[in-house]
Protein backbone atom coordinates (compact mmCIF):
# COMPACT_ATOMS: atom_id res chain seq x y z
CA MET A 1 51.19 -18.61 -43.30
CA GLU A 2 54.30 -18.51 -41.07
CA ASP A 3 52.48 -16.31 -38.55
CA ASN A 4 49.65 -18.87 -38.33
CA LEU A 5 52.08 -21.72 -37.69
CA LEU A 6 53.94 -19.80 -35.02
CA GLN A 7 50.67 -18.81 -33.37
CA THR A 8 49.57 -22.44 -33.42
CA PHE A 9 52.89 -23.44 -31.85
CA LYS A 10 52.45 -20.93 -29.03
CA VAL A 11 48.84 -21.88 -28.21
CA ALA A 12 48.10 -22.10 -24.48
CA VAL A 13 45.07 -24.40 -24.58
CA VAL A 14 44.82 -28.00 -23.40
CA PRO A 15 42.71 -30.13 -25.77
CA ALA A 16 41.74 -33.79 -25.38
CA ARG A 17 41.58 -34.59 -29.07
CA PHE A 18 44.37 -37.07 -29.62
CA THR A 19 44.83 -40.54 -28.16
CA GLU A 20 44.83 -44.10 -29.34
CA PRO A 21 44.84 -47.61 -27.99
CA MET A 22 48.29 -49.12 -27.51
CA GLU A 23 48.75 -52.39 -29.39
CA GLY A 24 45.02 -53.10 -29.40
CA LYS A 25 44.37 -52.03 -25.79
CA GLN A 26 41.50 -49.61 -25.28
CA GLN A 27 42.37 -46.68 -23.05
CA SER A 28 39.99 -45.60 -20.33
CA SER A 29 39.51 -42.13 -21.75
CA GLY A 30 36.47 -41.25 -19.67
CA ASP A 31 38.08 -41.27 -16.23
CA LEU A 32 39.67 -38.29 -14.53
CA HIS A 33 42.89 -39.23 -12.73
CA PHE A 34 44.25 -37.11 -9.88
CA VAL A 35 47.87 -36.15 -10.65
CA GLY A 36 48.66 -33.59 -7.95
CA ARG A 37 47.95 -30.32 -6.22
CA ARG A 38 48.19 -27.18 -8.33
CA ASP A 39 50.88 -25.49 -6.23
CA GLU A 40 53.09 -28.62 -6.17
CA LEU A 41 52.83 -29.09 -9.94
CA ILE A 42 53.57 -25.41 -10.58
CA GLU A 43 56.68 -25.64 -8.42
CA ALA A 44 57.85 -28.83 -10.17
CA LYS A 45 57.10 -27.42 -13.67
CA ARG A 46 57.33 -30.99 -15.09
CA SER A 47 56.09 -34.15 -13.39
CA CYS A 48 55.60 -37.71 -14.58
CA ARG A 49 52.72 -39.97 -13.62
CA THR A 50 51.63 -43.42 -14.79
CA ILE A 51 47.94 -43.62 -15.62
CA ASP A 52 46.48 -46.95 -16.76
CA ASP A 53 49.99 -48.19 -17.76
CA ARG A 54 50.65 -45.04 -19.79
CA ASP A 55 53.50 -42.73 -18.75
CA ILE A 56 52.33 -39.12 -18.84
CA LEU A 57 54.25 -35.86 -18.48
CA ILE A 58 52.40 -32.97 -16.83
CA VAL A 59 53.89 -29.60 -17.78
CA TYR A 60 53.19 -26.19 -16.31
CA HIS A 61 54.13 -23.57 -18.91
CA GLN A 62 53.15 -19.90 -19.25
CA GLY A 63 50.25 -20.17 -16.80
CA ALA A 64 48.67 -23.35 -18.19
CA PHE A 65 48.89 -27.09 -17.51
CA TYR A 66 49.49 -29.60 -20.31
CA ALA A 67 49.68 -33.38 -20.37
CA MET A 68 51.35 -35.52 -23.02
CA ASP A 69 53.06 -38.87 -23.40
CA SER A 70 56.28 -38.67 -21.43
CA TYR A 71 58.60 -40.16 -24.08
CA CYS A 72 59.72 -38.28 -27.17
CA TYR A 73 57.97 -39.58 -30.27
CA HIS A 74 61.11 -39.90 -32.42
CA ALA A 75 63.66 -41.46 -30.09
CA GLY A 76 61.87 -42.43 -26.87
CA GLY A 77 63.86 -40.03 -24.69
CA LYS A 78 62.40 -38.82 -21.40
CA LEU A 79 60.84 -35.40 -21.91
CA GLN A 80 60.78 -34.58 -18.19
CA ASN A 81 64.47 -33.75 -17.87
CA GLY A 82 65.34 -32.37 -21.28
CA ASP A 83 64.11 -29.89 -23.80
CA ILE A 84 60.89 -30.95 -25.42
CA GLU A 85 62.40 -31.55 -28.81
CA HIS A 86 65.80 -30.11 -29.54
CA LYS A 87 65.70 -30.25 -33.32
CA TYR A 88 61.96 -29.82 -33.72
CA LYS A 89 59.24 -28.00 -31.80
CA ILE A 90 56.15 -29.66 -30.36
CA SER A 91 52.93 -27.86 -29.54
CA LEU A 92 52.18 -28.61 -25.89
CA ALA A 93 48.48 -28.16 -26.58
CA GLU A 94 48.08 -30.27 -29.70
CA GLY A 95 51.20 -32.47 -29.93
CA GLU A 96 51.82 -31.14 -33.42
CA GLY A 97 55.42 -31.27 -34.60
CA PHE A 98 57.10 -28.35 -36.37
CA TYR A 99 60.45 -28.01 -38.07
CA LYS A 100 62.22 -25.01 -39.52
CA GLY A 101 62.78 -25.31 -43.24
CA THR A 102 63.25 -23.18 -46.32
CA ASP A 103 60.18 -22.20 -48.30
CA THR A 104 61.54 -22.24 -51.84
CA ARG A 105 58.21 -21.03 -53.21
CA LYS A 106 59.02 -17.57 -51.86
CA LYS A 107 61.38 -15.28 -53.75
CA PRO A 108 63.88 -15.01 -52.23
CA PRO A 109 63.54 -18.33 -50.30
CA VAL A 110 62.83 -17.77 -46.59
CA ARG A 111 63.20 -19.89 -43.45
CA THR A 112 59.81 -20.74 -41.98
CA TRP A 113 58.05 -23.28 -39.73
CA PHE A 114 56.43 -26.32 -41.34
CA SER A 115 54.08 -28.81 -39.69
CA LYS A 116 54.92 -32.51 -39.45
CA GLY A 117 51.41 -33.26 -38.18
CA VAL A 118 50.48 -34.55 -34.74
CA LYS A 119 53.39 -36.59 -33.35
CA GLN A 120 53.03 -36.49 -29.55
CA ARG A 121 49.80 -37.68 -27.89
CA THR A 122 48.24 -35.05 -25.63
CA HIS A 123 45.71 -35.53 -22.85
CA THR A 124 43.14 -33.27 -21.17
CA VAL A 125 44.04 -31.45 -17.96
CA THR A 126 41.31 -30.29 -15.59
CA GLU A 127 41.60 -28.28 -12.37
CA THR A 128 39.07 -28.53 -9.56
CA ASN A 129 39.58 -26.71 -6.24
CA GLY A 130 43.36 -26.63 -6.61
CA GLU A 131 43.60 -30.29 -7.61
CA ILE A 132 44.82 -31.27 -11.08
CA TYR A 133 43.33 -34.19 -13.00
CA VAL A 134 44.21 -35.78 -16.34
CA ARG A 135 41.86 -37.59 -18.69
CA LEU A 136 43.61 -39.83 -21.19
CA SER A 137 42.82 -38.99 -24.76
CA GLY A 138 40.21 -41.22 -26.40
CA HIS A 139 41.32 -40.79 -30.03
CA ALA A 140 41.58 -44.23 -31.67
CA GLY A 141 44.17 -43.34 -34.35
CA TRP A 142 47.92 -44.02 -34.21
CA ILE A 143 50.19 -41.20 -33.04
CA ASP A 144 53.97 -41.64 -33.19
CA SER A 145 54.51 -41.32 -29.42
CA ASP A 146 52.27 -44.39 -28.93
CA TYR A 147 55.16 -46.62 -29.98
CA TYR A 148 57.15 -45.88 -26.82
CA GLN A 149 54.14 -46.67 -24.61
CA GLY A 150 53.82 -50.21 -26.06
CA GLU A 151 55.87 -53.32 -25.30
CA LEU A 152 58.35 -52.93 -28.19
CA GLY A 153 58.98 -49.32 -27.26
CA LYS A 154 59.46 -50.23 -23.60
CA GLU A 155 62.03 -52.89 -24.60
CA GLN A 156 63.87 -50.37 -26.77
CA ARG A 157 63.90 -47.79 -23.95
CA ALA A 158 65.22 -50.41 -21.49
CA LYS A 159 68.07 -51.33 -23.86
CA ALA A 160 68.97 -47.67 -24.34
CA ASP A 161 68.92 -47.09 -20.56
CA ALA A 162 71.19 -50.12 -20.00
CA THR A 163 73.65 -48.89 -22.63
CA GLU A 164 73.64 -45.42 -21.08
CA GLU A 165 74.40 -46.89 -17.63
CA GLU A 166 77.33 -48.91 -19.04
CA THR A 167 78.90 -45.89 -20.73
CA PRO A 168 81.19 -44.05 -18.30
CA GLU A 169 80.84 -40.29 -18.18
CA THR A 170 83.86 -38.35 -19.32
CA ASP A 171 84.89 -34.84 -18.46
CA SER A 172 84.74 -32.73 -21.62
CA ASP A 173 87.61 -30.54 -20.33
CA GLU A 174 90.14 -33.38 -20.49
């Protein structure tokens, strides 16, 4: 089972399965939105775009493009500048969350990856003649990263950003 989870985590496919309306708003899932030229996005590795009021992160990783909500599902942090999940792992293709735990059913107990289910909304990426397009996911169910795309999540992010700006940086060598 561990091999299957790890293989799922390392998938290099870009599906369009998961998306949902934010706070009752229907997303325009049928439209392709131009997000950049292939060579520019490869060079950047991670780029953010706003599509229909939704902030999207476009990632180029191991030869494939991925698109997902740009804020971390559990704390609203910007995924563009940091590791995509420090404590957990997120499948770029599916948005599925994984954590490392101990499988006590095995004798002796072993550390293995467990799924938390889909946590980060992913979107479809299409390439045509060197141009990259994103289609917002049309899935109508709630996914945890949706919270930070809505008004309450935006307010929470703004408060966190303001607090961060007020906190002076200190040199850890002092």
